[in-house]
Amino acid sequence: MPVHTSSETTTTSQRSPDMETRTLDLAFNALRGSGPRTDDGEVIFTGPVTQAAAFLRGFDVAFSGNNDHHLGSLEVSLDAVIDPLAPQRVTVTATYGLRDWSGSWDDSYEGVVRISVVGE
């Protein structure tokens, strides 16, 4: 699975009269020994927003190196915060963790979290 750093996120936009939608992909490179972990991305709307919500659009998750494991625990969560000094900017934090049934973070894992952000 190709994995990119979060600095290579992609964004797209869509606008309705009162709302705008942006998309964002956050990539988590292979890591072993800790989890879950977080990464931030930013979307910019055409004007100030007073409300913003992040929605999970999809994800690609895997144990690194095509290692065969049973899925024990998968965590994916999102949080969106409007920048009070620049309210057209919204920072999205994605939390991601993947492990087998061992109960520890002893296996390398990676993934991409795909996000839609709605601002109003």
PDB file of N, CA and C in Angstrom:
ATOM      1  N   MET A   1       0.844  -1.161   0.000  1.00  0.00           N
ATOM      2  CA  MET A   1       0.000   0.000   0.000  1.00  0.00           C
ATOM      3  C   MET A   1       0.892   1.228   0.000  1.00  0.00           C
ATOM      4  N   PRO A   2       0.707   2.164  -0.943  1.00  0.00           N
ATOM      5  CA  PRO A   2       1.523   3.368  -0.917  1.00  0.00           C
ATOM      6  C   PRO A   2       1.088   4.259   0.235  1.00  0.00           C
ATOM      7  N   VAL A   3       2.045   4.705   1.002  1.00  0.00           N
ATOM      8  CA  VAL A   3       1.751   5.567   2.141  1.00  0.00           C
ATOM      9  C   VAL A   3       2.551   6.843   1.972  1.00  0.00           C
ATOM     10  N   HIS A   4       1.895   7.968   2.175  1.00  0.00           N
ATOM     11  CA  HIS A   4       2.524   9.266   2.026  1.00  0.00           C
ATOM     12  C   HIS A   4       2.550   9.963   3.372  1.00  0.00           C
ATOM     13  N   THR A   5       3.446  10.896   3.540  1.00  0.00           N
ATOM     14  CA  THR A   5       3.472  11.668   4.777  1.00  0.00           C
ATOM     15  C   THR A   5       2.297  12.622   4.785  1.00  0.00           C
ATOM     16  N   SER A   6       1.935  13.090   5.979  1.00  0.00           N
ATOM     17  CA  SER A   6       0.782  13.970   6.083  1.00  0.00           C
ATOM     18  C   SER A   6       1.010  15.291   5.377  1.00  0.00           C
ATOM     19  N   SER A   7       2.250  15.660   5.112  1.00  0.00           N
ATOM     20  CA  SER A   7       2.505  16.891   4.374  1.00  0.00           C
ATOM     21  C   SER A   7       2.080  16.754   2.912  1.00  0.00           C
ATOM     22  N   GLU A   8       1.779  15.547   2.481  1.00  0.00           N
ATOM     23  CA  GLU A   8       1.323  15.308   1.121  1.00  0.00           C
ATOM     24  C   GLU A   8      -0.176  15.023   1.106  1.00  0.00           C
ATOM     25  N   THR A   9      -0.932  15.689   1.975  1.00  0.00           N
ATOM     26  CA  THR A   9      -2.368  15.486   2.020  1.00  0.00           C
ATOM     27  C   THR A   9      -3.012  16.080   0.783  1.00  0.00           C
ATOM     28  N   THR A  10      -4.179  15.576   0.442  1.00  0.00           N
ATOM     29  CA  THR A  10      -4.916  16.118  -0.682  1.00  0.00           C
ATOM     30  C   THR A  10      -6.204  16.727  -0.170  1.00  0.00           C
ATOM     31  N   THR A  11      -6.627  17.808  -0.787  1.00  0.00           N
ATOM     32  CA  THR A  11      -7.881  18.438  -0.403  1.00  0.00           C
ATOM     33  C   THR A  11      -8.684  18.750  -1.654  1.00  0.00           C
ATOM     34  N   THR A  12     -10.001  18.641  -1.535  1.00  0.00           N
ATOM     35  CA  THR A  12     -10.912  19.065  -2.585  1.00  0.00           C
ATOM     36  C   THR A  12     -12.029  19.839  -1.918  1.00  0.00           C
ATOM     37  N   SER A  13     -12.825  20.532  -2.709  1.00  0.00           N
ATOM     38  CA  SER A  13     -13.877  21.340  -2.095  1.00  0.00           C
ATOM     39  C   SER A  13     -15.177  21.237  -2.864  1.00  0.00           C
ATOM     40  N   GLN A  14     -16.252  21.550  -2.155  1.00  0.00           N
ATOM     41  CA  GLN A  14     -17.587  21.585  -2.717  1.00  0.00           C
ATOM     42  C   GLN A  14     -18.352  22.630  -1.918  1.00  0.00           C
ATOM     43  N   ARG A  15     -19.208  23.431  -2.568  1.00  0.00           N
ATOM     44  CA  ARG A  15     -19.878  24.522  -1.877  1.00  0.00           C
ATOM     45  C   ARG A  15     -21.379  24.475  -2.150  1.00  0.00           C
ATOM     46  N   SER A  16     -22.178  24.711  -1.082  1.00  0.00           N
ATOM     47  CA  SER A  16     -23.609  24.943  -1.200  1.00  0.00           C
ATOM     48  C   SER A  16     -23.851  26.336  -0.630  1.00  0.00           C
ATOM     49  N   PRO A  17     -25.063  26.877  -0.692  1.00  0.00           N
ATOM     50  CA  PRO A  17     -25.271  28.255  -0.247  1.00  0.00           C
ATOM     51  C   PRO A  17     -24.802  28.551   1.178  1.00  0.00           C
ATOM     52  N   ASP A  18     -24.995  27.655   2.110  1.00  0.00           N
ATOM     53  CA  ASP A  18     -24.635  27.922   3.502  1.00  0.00           C
ATOM     54  C   ASP A  18     -23.496  27.058   4.021  1.00  0.00           C
ATOM     55  N   MET A  19     -23.129  26.051   3.288  1.00  0.00           N
ATOM     56  CA  MET A  19     -22.102  25.122   3.761  1.00  0.00           C
ATOM     57  C   MET A  19     -21.061  24.881   2.677  1.00  0.00           C
ATOM     58  N   GLU A  20     -19.877  24.531   3.137  1.00  0.00           N
ATOM     59  CA  GLU A  20     -18.812  24.101   2.240  1.00  0.00           C
ATOM     60  C   GLU A  20     -18.276  22.776   2.751  1.00  0.00           C
ATOM     61  N   THR A  21     -17.787  21.967   1.830  1.00  0.00           N
ATOM     62  CA  THR A  21     -17.185  20.689   2.189  1.00  0.00           C
ATOM     63  C   THR A  21     -15.770  20.636   1.639  1.00  0.00           C
ATOM     64  N   ARG A  22     -14.870  20.142   2.460  1.00  0.00           N
ATOM     65  CA  ARG A  22     -13.485  19.919   2.049  1.00  0.00           C
ATOM     66  C   ARG A  22     -13.148  18.461   2.354  1.00  0.00           C
ATOM     67  N   THR A  23     -12.243  17.899   1.587  1.00  0.00           N
ATOM     68  CA  THR A  23     -11.767  16.552   1.890  1.00  0.00           C
ATOM     69  C   THR A  23     -10.278  16.602   2.175  1.00  0.00           C
ATOM     70  N   LEU A  24      -9.846  15.638   2.958  1.00  0.00           N
ATOM     71  CA  LEU A  24      -8.468  15.592   3.430  1.00  0.00           C
ATOM     72  C   LEU A  24      -8.088  14.136   3.638  1.00  0.00           C
ATOM     73  N   ASP A  25      -6.897  13.750   3.222  1.00  0.00           N
ATOM     74  CA  ASP A  25      -6.363  12.408   3.476  1.00  0.00           C
ATOM     75  C   ASP A  25      -5.137  12.556   4.359  1.00  0.00           C
ATOM     76  N   LEU A  26      -5.121  11.849   5.483  1.00  0.00           N
ATOM     77  CA  LEU A  26      -3.956  11.857   6.373  1.00  0.00           C
ATOM     78  C   LEU A  26      -3.319  10.474   6.356  1.00  0.00           C
ATOM     79  N   ALA A  27      -2.031  10.431   6.073  1.00  0.00           N
ATOM     80  CA  ALA A  27      -1.302   9.168   5.970  1.00  0.00           C
ATOM     81  C   ALA A  27      -0.488   8.923   7.234  1.00  0.00           C
ATOM     82  N   PHE A  28      -0.511   7.692   7.678  1.00  0.00           N
ATOM     83  CA  PHE A  28       0.272   7.249   8.830  1.00  0.00           C
ATOM     84  C   PHE A  28       1.294   6.239   8.326  1.00  0.00           C
ATOM     85  N   ASN A  29       2.559   6.600   8.364  1.00  0.00           N
ATOM     86  CA  ASN A  29       3.625   5.698   7.933  1.00  0.00           C
ATOM     87  C   ASN A  29       3.783   4.551   8.926  1.00  0.00           C
ATOM     88  N   ALA A  30       4.484   3.516   8.519  1.00  0.00           N
ATOM     89  CA  ALA A  30       4.673   2.330   9.358  1.00  0.00           C
ATOM     90  C   ALA A  30       5.289   2.707  10.703  1.00  0.00           C
ATOM     91  N   LEU A  31       4.724   2.151  11.766  1.00  0.00           N
ATOM     92  CA  LEU A  31       5.213   2.385  13.123  1.00  0.00           C
ATOM     93  C   LEU A  31       4.974   1.127  13.940  1.00  0.00           C
ATOM     94  N   ARG A  32       5.879   0.865  14.847  1.00  0.00           N
ATOM     95  CA  ARG A  32       5.774  -0.283  15.747  1.00  0.00           C
ATOM     96  C   ARG A  32       6.127   0.191  17.148  1.00  0.00           C
ATOM     97  N   GLY A  33       5.431  -0.329  18.144  1.00  0.00           N
ATOM     98  CA  GLY A  33       5.802  -0.065  19.522  1.00  0.00           C
ATOM     99  C   GLY A  33       4.961   0.954  20.251  1.00  0.00           C
ATOM    100  N   SER A  34       4.066   1.647  19.562  1.00  0.00           N
ATOM    101  CA  SER A  34       3.187   2.575  20.275  1.00  0.00           C
ATOM    102  C   SER A  34       1.903   2.776  19.493  1.00  0.00           C
ATOM    103  N   GLY A  35       0.914   3.265  20.182  1.00  0.00           N
ATOM    104  CA  GLY A  35      -0.365   3.537  19.549  1.00  0.00           C
ATOM    105  C   GLY A  35      -1.430   3.765  20.598  1.00  0.00           C
ATOM    106  N   PRO A  36      -2.578   4.210  20.221  1.00  0.00           N
ATOM    107  CA  PRO A  36      -2.834   4.823  18.929  1.00  0.00           C
ATOM    108  C   PRO A  36      -2.066   6.136  18.801  1.00  0.00           C
ATOM    109  N   ARG A  37      -1.983   6.643  17.596  1.00  0.00           N
ATOM    110  CA  ARG A  37      -1.225   7.874  17.349  1.00  0.00           C
ATOM    111  C   ARG A  37      -2.094   8.883  16.616  1.00  0.00           C
ATOM    112  N   THR A  38      -1.641  10.131  16.581  1.00  0.00           N
ATOM    113  CA  THR A  38      -2.431  11.191  15.969  1.00  0.00           C
ATOM    114  C   THR A  38      -1.631  11.908  14.886  1.00  0.00           C
ATOM    115  N   ASP A  39      -2.369  12.521  13.978  1.00  0.00           N
ATOM    116  CA  ASP A  39      -1.786  13.388  12.961  1.00  0.00           C
ATOM    117  C   ASP A  39      -2.799  14.489  12.681  1.00  0.00           C
ATOM    118  N   ASP A  40      -2.294  15.671  12.333  1.00  0.00           N
ATOM    119  CA  ASP A  40      -3.146  16.825  12.065  1.00  0.00           C
ATOM    120  C   ASP A  40      -3.069  17.213  10.601  1.00  0.00           C
ATOM    121  N   GLY A  41      -4.165  17.739  10.106  1.00  0.00           N
ATOM    122  CA  GLY A  41      -4.221  18.331   8.778  1.00  0.00           C
ATOM    123  C   GLY A  41      -5.084  19.570   8.852  1.00  0.00           C
ATOM    124  N   GLU A  42      -4.955  20.420   7.859  1.00  0.00           N
ATOM    125  CA  GLU A  42      -5.698  21.673   7.860  1.00  0.00           C
ATOM    126  C   GLU A  42      -6.462  21.823   6.558  1.00  0.00           C
ATOM    127  N   VAL A  43      -7.692  22.315   6.671  1.00  0.00           N
ATOM    128  CA  VAL A  43      -8.470  22.685   5.495  1.00  0.00           C
ATOM    129  C   VAL A  43      -8.789  24.165   5.611  1.00  0.00           C
ATOM    130  N   ILE A  44      -8.926  24.811   4.469  1.00  0.00           N
ATOM    131  CA  ILE A  44      -9.219  26.241   4.444  1.00  0.00           C
ATOM    132  C   ILE A  44     -10.492  26.454   3.631  1.00  0.00           C
ATOM    133  N   PHE A  45     -11.444  27.137   4.251  1.00  0.00           N
ATOM    134  CA  PHE A  45     -12.705  27.452   3.596  1.00  0.00           C
ATOM    135  C   PHE A  45     -12.606  28.825   2.939  1.00  0.00           C
ATOM    136  N   THR A  46     -13.553  29.146   2.055  1.00  0.00           N
ATOM    137  CA  THR A  46     -13.496  30.418   1.334  1.00  0.00           C
ATOM    138  C   THR A  46     -13.785  31.616   2.229  1.00  0.00           C
ATOM    139  N   GLY A  47     -14.418  31.380   3.360  1.00  0.00           N
ATOM    140  CA  GLY A  47     -14.705  32.447   4.314  1.00  0.00           C
ATOM    141  C   GLY A  47     -14.758  31.877   5.710  1.00  0.00           C
ATOM    142  N   PRO A  48     -14.982  32.742   6.707  1.00  0.00           N
ATOM    143  CA  PRO A  48     -15.043  32.275   8.094  1.00  0.00           C
ATOM    144  C   PRO A  48     -16.177  31.265   8.298  1.00  0.00           C
ATOM    145  N   VAL A  49     -15.933  30.281   9.145  1.00  0.00           N
ATOM    146  CA  VAL A  49     -16.968  29.321   9.525  1.00  0.00           C
ATOM    147  C   VAL A  49     -17.215  29.432  11.023  1.00  0.00           C
ATOM    148  N   THR A  50     -18.447  29.189  11.421  1.00  0.00           N
ATOM    149  CA  THR A  50     -18.791  29.216  12.846  1.00  0.00           C
ATOM    150  C   THR A  50     -18.950  27.816  13.411  1.00  0.00           C
ATOM    151  N   GLN A  51     -19.139  26.845  12.514  1.00  0.00           N
ATOM    152  CA  GLN A  51     -19.252  25.447  12.920  1.00  0.00           C
ATOM    153  C   GLN A  51     -18.495  24.588  11.911  1.00  0.00           C
ATOM    154  N   ALA A  52     -17.862  23.548  12.414  1.00  0.00           N
ATOM    155  CA  ALA A  52     -17.164  22.604  11.534  1.00  0.00           C
ATOM    156  C   ALA A  52     -17.280  21.208  12.122  1.00  0.00           C
ATOM    157  N   ALA A  53     -17.451  20.235  11.243  1.00  0.00           N
ATOM    158  CA  ALA A  53     -17.530  18.838  11.673  1.00  0.00           C
ATOM    159  C   ALA A  53     -16.712  17.982  10.715  1.00  0.00           C
ATOM    160  N   ALA A  54     -15.968  17.048  11.269  1.00  0.00           N
ATOM    161  CA  ALA A  54     -15.160  16.118  10.474  1.00  0.00           C
ATOM    162  C   ALA A  54     -15.855  14.762  10.447  1.00  0.00           C
ATOM    163  N   PHE A  55     -15.925  14.169   9.263  1.00  0.00           N
ATOM    164  CA  PHE A  55     -16.571  12.877   9.065  1.00  0.00           C
ATOM    165  C   PHE A  55     -15.586  11.907   8.433  1.00  0.00           C
ATOM    166  N   LEU A  56     -15.657  10.671   8.858  1.00  0.00           N
ATOM    167  CA  LEU A  56     -14.814   9.625   8.287  1.00  0.00           C
ATOM    168  C   LEU A  56     -15.377   9.251   6.915  1.00  0.00           C
ATOM    169  N   ARG A  57     -14.589   9.478   5.875  1.00  0.00           N
ATOM    170  CA  ARG A  57     -14.967   9.181   4.499  1.00  0.00           C
ATOM    171  C   ARG A  57     -14.515   7.787   4.097  1.00  0.00           C
ATOM    172  N   GLY A  58     -13.500   7.290   4.783  1.00  0.00           N
ATOM    173  CA  GLY A  58     -12.971   5.964   4.497  1.00  0.00           C
ATOM    174  C   GLY A  58     -11.591   5.813   5.096  1.00  0.00           C
ATOM    175  N   PHE A  59     -11.043   4.613   5.000  1.00  0.00           N
ATOM    176  CA  PHE A  59      -9.687   4.379   5.490  1.00  0.00           C
ATOM    177  C   PHE A  59      -9.109   3.140   4.833  1.00  0.00           C
ATOM    178  N   ASP A  60      -7.787   3.127   4.745  1.00  0.00           N
ATOM    179  CA  ASP A  60      -7.026   1.955   4.316  1.00  0.00           C
ATOM    180  C   ASP A  60      -6.068   1.657   5.451  1.00  0.00           C
ATOM    181  N   VAL A  61      -6.190   0.494   6.048  1.00  0.00           N
ATOM    182  CA  VAL A  61      -5.332   0.135   7.177  1.00  0.00           C
ATOM    183  C   VAL A  61      -4.703  -1.224   6.914  1.00  0.00           C
ATOM    184  N   ALA A  62      -3.497  -1.410   7.450  1.00  0.00           N
ATOM    185  CA  ALA A  62      -2.812  -2.686   7.221  1.00  0.00           C
ATOM    186  C   ALA A  62      -1.695  -2.867   8.229  1.00  0.00           C
ATOM    187  N   PHE A  63      -1.398  -4.118   8.512  1.00  0.00           N
ATOM    188  CA  PHE A  63      -0.156  -4.434   9.193  1.00  0.00           C
ATOM    189  C   PHE A  63       0.940  -4.327   8.133  1.00  0.00           C
ATOM    190  N   SER A  64       2.041  -3.694   8.463  1.00  0.00           N
ATOM    191  CA  SER A  64       3.108  -3.424   7.492  1.00  0.00           C
ATOM    192  C   SER A  64       3.751  -4.707   6.990  1.00  0.00           C
ATOM    193  N   GLY A  65       4.260  -4.648   5.768  1.00  0.00           N
ATOM    194  CA  GLY A  65       4.968  -5.786   5.195  1.00  0.00           C
ATOM    195  C   GLY A  65       4.073  -6.937   4.812  1.00  0.00           C
ATOM    196  N   ASN A  66       2.782  -6.683   4.624  1.00  0.00           N
ATOM    197  CA  ASN A  66       1.817  -7.729   4.283  1.00  0.00           C
ATOM    198  C   ASN A  66       1.817  -8.869   5.292  1.00  0.00           C
ATOM    199  N   ASN A  67       2.142  -8.556   6.548  1.00  0.00           N
ATOM    200  CA  ASN A  67       2.100  -9.579   7.596  1.00  0.00           C
ATOM    201  C   ASN A  67       0.663  -9.972   7.869  1.00  0.00           C
ATOM    202  N   ASP A  68       0.433 -11.257   7.995  1.00  0.00           N
ATOM    203  CA  ASP A  68      -0.897 -11.785   8.240  1.00  0.00           C
ATOM    204  C   ASP A  68      -1.159 -11.803   9.739  1.00  0.00           C
ATOM    205  N   HIS A  69      -2.140 -11.024  10.175  1.00  0.00           N
ATOM    206  CA  HIS A  69      -2.515 -10.962  11.589  1.00  0.00           C
ATOM    207  C   HIS A  69      -4.026 -10.977  11.692  1.00  0.00           C
ATOM    208  N   HIS A  70      -4.510 -11.446  12.824  1.00  0.00           N
ATOM    209  CA  HIS A  70      -5.924 -11.307  13.131  1.00  0.00           C
ATOM    210  C   HIS A  70      -6.138  -9.898  13.653  1.00  0.00           C
ATOM    211  N   LEU A  71      -7.245  -9.285  13.254  1.00  0.00           N
ATOM    212  CA  LEU A  71      -7.573  -7.949  13.728  1.00  0.00           C
ATOM    213  C   LEU A  71      -8.068  -8.033  15.161  1.00  0.00           C
ATOM    214  N   GLY A  72      -7.355  -7.402  16.067  1.00  0.00           N
ATOM    215  CA  GLY A  72      -7.757  -7.395  17.468  1.00  0.00           C
ATOM    216  C   GLY A  72      -8.411  -6.096  17.864  1.00  0.00           C
ATOM    217  N   SER A  73      -7.848  -4.974  17.389  1.00  0.00           N
ATOM    218  CA  SER A  73      -8.369  -3.665  17.755  1.00  0.00           C
ATOM    219  C   SER A  73      -8.040  -2.662  16.660  1.00  0.00           C
ATOM    220  N   LEU A  74      -9.045  -1.903  16.252  1.00  0.00           N
ATOM    221  CA  LEU A  74      -8.875  -0.819  15.295  1.00  0.00           C
ATOM    222  C   LEU A  74      -9.516   0.419  15.890  1.00  0.00           C
ATOM    223  N   GLU A  75      -8.756   1.497  15.969  1.00  0.00           N
ATOM    224  CA  GLU A  75      -9.290   2.763  16.457  1.00  0.00           C
ATOM    225  C   GLU A  75      -9.063   3.832  15.404  1.00  0.00           C
ATOM    226  N   VAL A  76     -10.137   4.503  15.025  1.00  0.00           N
ATOM    227  CA  VAL A  76     -10.067   5.662  14.140  1.00  0.00           C
ATOM    228  C   VAL A  76     -11.047   6.686  14.687  1.00  0.00           C
ATOM    229  N   SER A  77     -10.555   7.884  15.000  1.00  0.00           N
ATOM    230  CA  SER A  77     -11.435   8.954  15.467  1.00  0.00           C
ATOM    231  C   SER A  77     -10.955  10.283  14.910  1.00  0.00           C
ATOM    232  N   LEU A  78     -11.869  11.262  14.887  1.00  0.00           N
ATOM    233  CA  LEU A  78     -11.585  12.571  14.303  1.00  0.00           C
ATOM    234  C   LEU A  78     -12.035  13.679  15.236  1.00  0.00           C
ATOM    235  N   ASP A  79     -11.345  14.812  15.142  1.00  0.00           N
ATOM    236  CA  ASP A  79     -11.732  16.010  15.875  1.00  0.00           C
ATOM    237  C   ASP A  79     -11.446  17.206  14.976  1.00  0.00           C
ATOM    238  N   ALA A  80     -12.354  18.173  14.950  1.00  0.00           N
ATOM    239  CA  ALA A  80     -12.175  19.375  14.138  1.00  0.00           C
ATOM    240  C   ALA A  80     -12.238  20.600  15.036  1.00  0.00           C
ATOM    241  N   VAL A  81     -11.274  21.517  14.851  1.00  0.00           N
ATOM    242  CA  VAL A  81     -11.211  22.740  15.650  1.00  0.00           C
ATOM    243  C   VAL A  81     -11.034  23.930  14.710  1.00  0.00           C
ATOM    244  N   ILE A  82     -11.905  24.926  14.862  1.00  0.00           N
ATOM    245  CA  ILE A  82     -11.807  26.160  14.085  1.00  0.00           C
ATOM    246  C   ILE A  82     -10.743  27.047  14.714  1.00  0.00           C
ATOM    247  N   ASP A  83      -9.873  27.609  13.892  1.00  0.00           N
ATOM    248  CA  ASP A  83      -8.838  28.530  14.369  1.00  0.00           C
ATOM    249  C   ASP A  83      -9.508  29.845  14.768  1.00  0.00           C
ATOM    250  N   PRO A  84      -9.463  30.234  16.052  1.00  0.00           N
ATOM    251  CA  PRO A  84     -10.156  31.457  16.473  1.00  0.00           C
ATOM    252  C   PRO A  84      -9.553  32.730  15.864  1.00  0.00           C
ATOM    253  N   LEU A  85      -8.290  32.692  15.468  1.00  0.00           N
ATOM    254  CA  LEU A  85      -7.646  33.866  14.874  1.00  0.00           C
ATOM    255  C   LEU A  85      -7.825  33.936  13.359  1.00  0.00           C
ATOM    256  N   ALA A  86      -8.156  32.817  12.751  1.00  0.00           N
ATOM    257  CA  ALA A  86      -8.395  32.740  11.301  1.00  0.00           C
ATOM    258  C   ALA A  86      -9.524  31.740  11.078  1.00  0.00           C
ATOM    259  N   PRO A  87     -10.783  32.153  11.306  1.00  0.00           N
ATOM    260  CA  PRO A  87     -11.897  31.189  11.320  1.00  0.00           C
ATOM    261  C   PRO A  87     -12.233  30.535   9.987  1.00  0.00           C
ATOM    262  N   GLN A  88     -11.493  30.830   8.940  1.00  0.00           N
ATOM    263  CA  GLN A  88     -11.664  30.073   7.698  1.00  0.00           C
ATOM    264  C   GLN A  88     -10.804  28.811   7.710  1.00  0.00           C
ATOM    265  N   ARG A  89      -9.929  28.683   8.713  1.00  0.00           N
ATOM    266  CA  ARG A  89      -9.042  27.514   8.846  1.00  0.00           C
ATOM    267  C   ARG A  89      -9.598  26.547   9.898  1.00  0.00           C
ATOM    268  N   VAL A  90      -9.605  25.275   9.544  1.00  0.00           N
ATOM    269  CA  VAL A  90     -10.042  24.231  10.473  1.00  0.00           C
ATOM    270  C   VAL A  90      -8.944  23.174  10.535  1.00  0.00           C
ATOM    271  N   THR A  91      -8.508  22.879  11.745  1.00  0.00           N
ATOM    272  CA  THR A  91      -7.522  21.818  11.956  1.00  0.00           C
ATOM    273  C   THR A  91      -8.257  20.537  12.319  1.00  0.00           C
ATOM    274  N   VAL A  92      -7.925  19.476  11.625  1.00  0.00           N
ATOM    275  CA  VAL A  92      -8.525  18.167  11.881  1.00  0.00           C
ATOM    276  C   VAL A  92      -7.446  17.260  12.457  1.00  0.00           C
ATOM    277  N   THR A  93      -7.762  16.637  13.586  1.00  0.00           N
ATOM    278  CA  THR A  93      -6.865  15.661  14.203  1.00  0.00           C
ATOM    279  C   THR A  93      -7.467  14.274  14.020  1.00  0.00           C
ATOM    280  N   ALA A  94      -6.692  13.380  13.427  1.00  0.00           N
ATOM    281  CA  ALA A  94      -7.107  11.986  13.269  1.00  0.00           C
ATOM    282  C   ALA A  94      -6.293  11.133  14.231  1.00  0.00           C
ATOM    283  N   THR A  95      -6.975  10.235  14.913  1.00  0.00           N
ATOM    284  CA  THR A  95      -6.332   9.260  15.787  1.00  0.00           C
ATOM    285  C   THR A  95      -6.499   7.892  15.144  1.00  0.00           C
ATOM    286  N   TYR A  96      -5.394   7.132  15.078  1.00  0.00           N
ATOM    287  CA  TYR A  96      -5.413   5.828  14.412  1.00  0.00           C
ATOM    288  C   TYR A  96      -4.540   4.843  15.177  1.00  0.00           C
ATOM    289  N   GLY A  97      -5.075   3.666  15.400  1.00  0.00           N
ATOM    290  CA  GLY A  97      -4.319   2.579  16.005  1.00  0.00           C
ATOM    291  C   GLY A  97      -4.824   1.245  15.489  1.00  0.00           C
ATOM    292  N   LEU A  98      -3.917   0.304  15.289  1.00  0.00           N
ATOM    293  CA  LEU A  98      -4.260  -1.031  14.798  1.00  0.00           C
ATOM    294  C   LEU A  98      -3.365  -2.040  15.496  1.00  0.00           C
ATOM    295  N   ARG A  99      -3.979  -3.082  16.046  1.00  0.00           N
ATOM    296  CA  ARG A  99      -3.167  -4.136  16.664  1.00  0.00           C
ATOM    297  C   ARG A  99      -3.909  -5.463  16.598  1.00  0.00           C
ATOM    298  N   ASP A 100      -3.168  -6.532  16.863  1.00  0.00           N
ATOM    299  CA  ASP A 100      -3.777  -7.855  16.892  1.00  0.00           C
ATOM    300  C   ASP A 100      -4.249  -8.138  18.319  1.00  0.00           C
ATOM    301  N   TRP A 101      -4.509  -9.394  18.616  1.00  0.00           N
ATOM    302  CA  TRP A 101      -5.053  -9.755  19.930  1.00  0.00           C
ATOM    303  C   TRP A 101      -3.992  -9.850  21.021  1.00  0.00           C
ATOM    304  N   SER A 102      -2.740  -9.551  20.738  1.00  0.00           N
ATOM    305  CA  SER A 102      -1.692  -9.676  21.757  1.00  0.00           C
ATOM    306  C   SER A 102      -1.872  -8.673  22.890  1.00  0.00           C
ATOM    307  N   GLY A 103      -2.591  -7.575  22.617  1.00  0.00           N
ATOM    308  CA  GLY A 103      -2.798  -6.564  23.646  1.00  0.00           C
ATOM    309  C   GLY A 103      -1.683  -5.539  23.720  1.00  0.00           C
ATOM    310  N   SER A 104      -0.676  -5.648  22.854  1.00  0.00           N
ATOM    311  CA  SER A 104       0.413  -4.672  22.841  1.00  0.00           C
ATOM    312  C   SER A 104       0.603  -4.166  21.411  1.00  0.00           C
ATOM    313  N   TRP A 105       1.405  -3.134  21.273  1.00  0.00           N
ATOM    314  CA  TRP A 105       1.665  -2.515  19.971  1.00  0.00           C
ATOM    315  C   TRP A 105       2.952  -3.091  19.367  1.00  0.00           C
ATOM    316  N   ASP A 106       3.081  -4.419  19.376  1.00  0.00           N
ATOM    317  CA  ASP A 106       4.326  -5.068  18.960  1.00  0.00           C
ATOM    318  C   ASP A 106       4.426  -5.317  17.455  1.00  0.00           C
ATOM    319  N   ASP A 107       3.390  -4.980  16.693  1.00  0.00           N
ATOM    320  CA  ASP A 107       3.405  -5.199  15.247  1.00  0.00           C
ATOM    321  C   ASP A 107       3.376  -3.861  14.517  1.00  0.00           C
ATOM    322  N   SER A 108       4.158  -3.755  13.465  1.00  0.00           N
ATOM    323  CA  SER A 108       4.196  -2.538  12.659  1.00  0.00           C
ATOM    324  C   SER A 108       2.891  -2.406  11.870  1.00  0.00           C
ATOM    325  N   TYR A 109       2.329  -1.183  11.872  1.00  0.00           N
ATOM    326  CA  TYR A 109       1.086  -0.934  11.151  1.00  0.00           C
ATOM    327  C   TYR A 109       1.145   0.435  10.482  1.00  0.00           C
ATOM    328  N   GLU A 110       0.299   0.618   9.477  1.00  0.00           N
ATOM    329  CA  GLU A 110       0.259   1.859   8.713  1.00  0.00           C
ATOM    330  C   GLU A 110      -1.141   2.059   8.165  1.00  0.00           C
ATOM    331  N   GLY A 111      -1.400   3.214   7.567  1.00  0.00           N
ATOM    332  CA  GLY A 111      -2.713   3.431   6.990  1.00  0.00           C
ATOM    333  C   GLY A 111      -2.928   4.848   6.508  1.00  0.00           C
ATOM    334  N   VAL A 112      -4.083   5.037   5.889  1.00  0.00           N
ATOM    335  CA  VAL A 112      -4.532   6.347   5.429  1.00  0.00           C
ATOM    336  C   VAL A 112      -5.951   6.543   5.932  1.00  0.00           C
ATOM    337  N   VAL A 113      -6.211   7.705   6.531  1.00  0.00           N
ATOM    338  CA  VAL A 113      -7.546   8.061   7.004  1.00  0.00           C
ATOM    339  C   VAL A 113      -8.083   9.128   6.056  1.00  0.00           C
ATOM    340  N   ARG A 114      -9.254   8.881   5.478  1.00  0.00           N
ATOM    341  CA  ARG A 114      -9.871   9.790   4.510  1.00  0.00           C
ATOM    342  C   ARG A 114     -11.012  10.542   5.199  1.00  0.00           C
ATOM    343  N   ILE A 115     -10.981  11.863   5.085  1.00  0.00           N
ATOM    344  CA  ILE A 115     -11.836  12.721   5.901  1.00  0.00           C
ATOM    345  C   ILE A 115     -12.601  13.706   5.021  1.00  0.00           C
ATOM    346  N   SER A 116     -13.852  13.975   5.382  1.00  0.00           N
ATOM    347  CA  SER A 116     -14.616  15.095   4.838  1.00  0.00           C
ATOM    348  C   SER A 116     -14.869  16.066   5.973  1.00  0.00           C
ATOM    349  N   VAL A 117     -14.726  17.358   5.692  1.00  0.00           N
ATOM    350  CA  VAL A 117     -14.968  18.394   6.692  1.00  0.00           C
ATOM    351  C   VAL A 117     -16.049  19.316   6.147  1.00  0.00           C
ATOM    352  N   VAL A 118     -17.099  19.514   6.941  1.00  0.00           N
ATOM    353  CA  VAL A 118     -18.182  20.412   6.568  1.00  0.00           C
ATOM    354  C   VAL A 118     -18.075  21.649   7.444  1.00  0.00           C
ATOM    355  N   GLY A 119     -18.068  22.813   6.808  1.00  0.00           N
ATOM    356  CA  GLY A 119     -18.028  24.077   7.535  1.00  0.00           C
ATOM    357  C   GLY A 119     -19.242  24.901   7.185  1.00  0.00           C
ATOM    358  N   GLU A 120     -19.732  25.631   8.189  1.00  0.00           N
ATOM    359  CA  GLU A 120     -20.921  26.455   7.985  1.00  0.00           C
ATOM    360  C   GLU A 120     -20.686  27.809   8.608  1.00  0.00           C
TER     361      GLU A 120
END
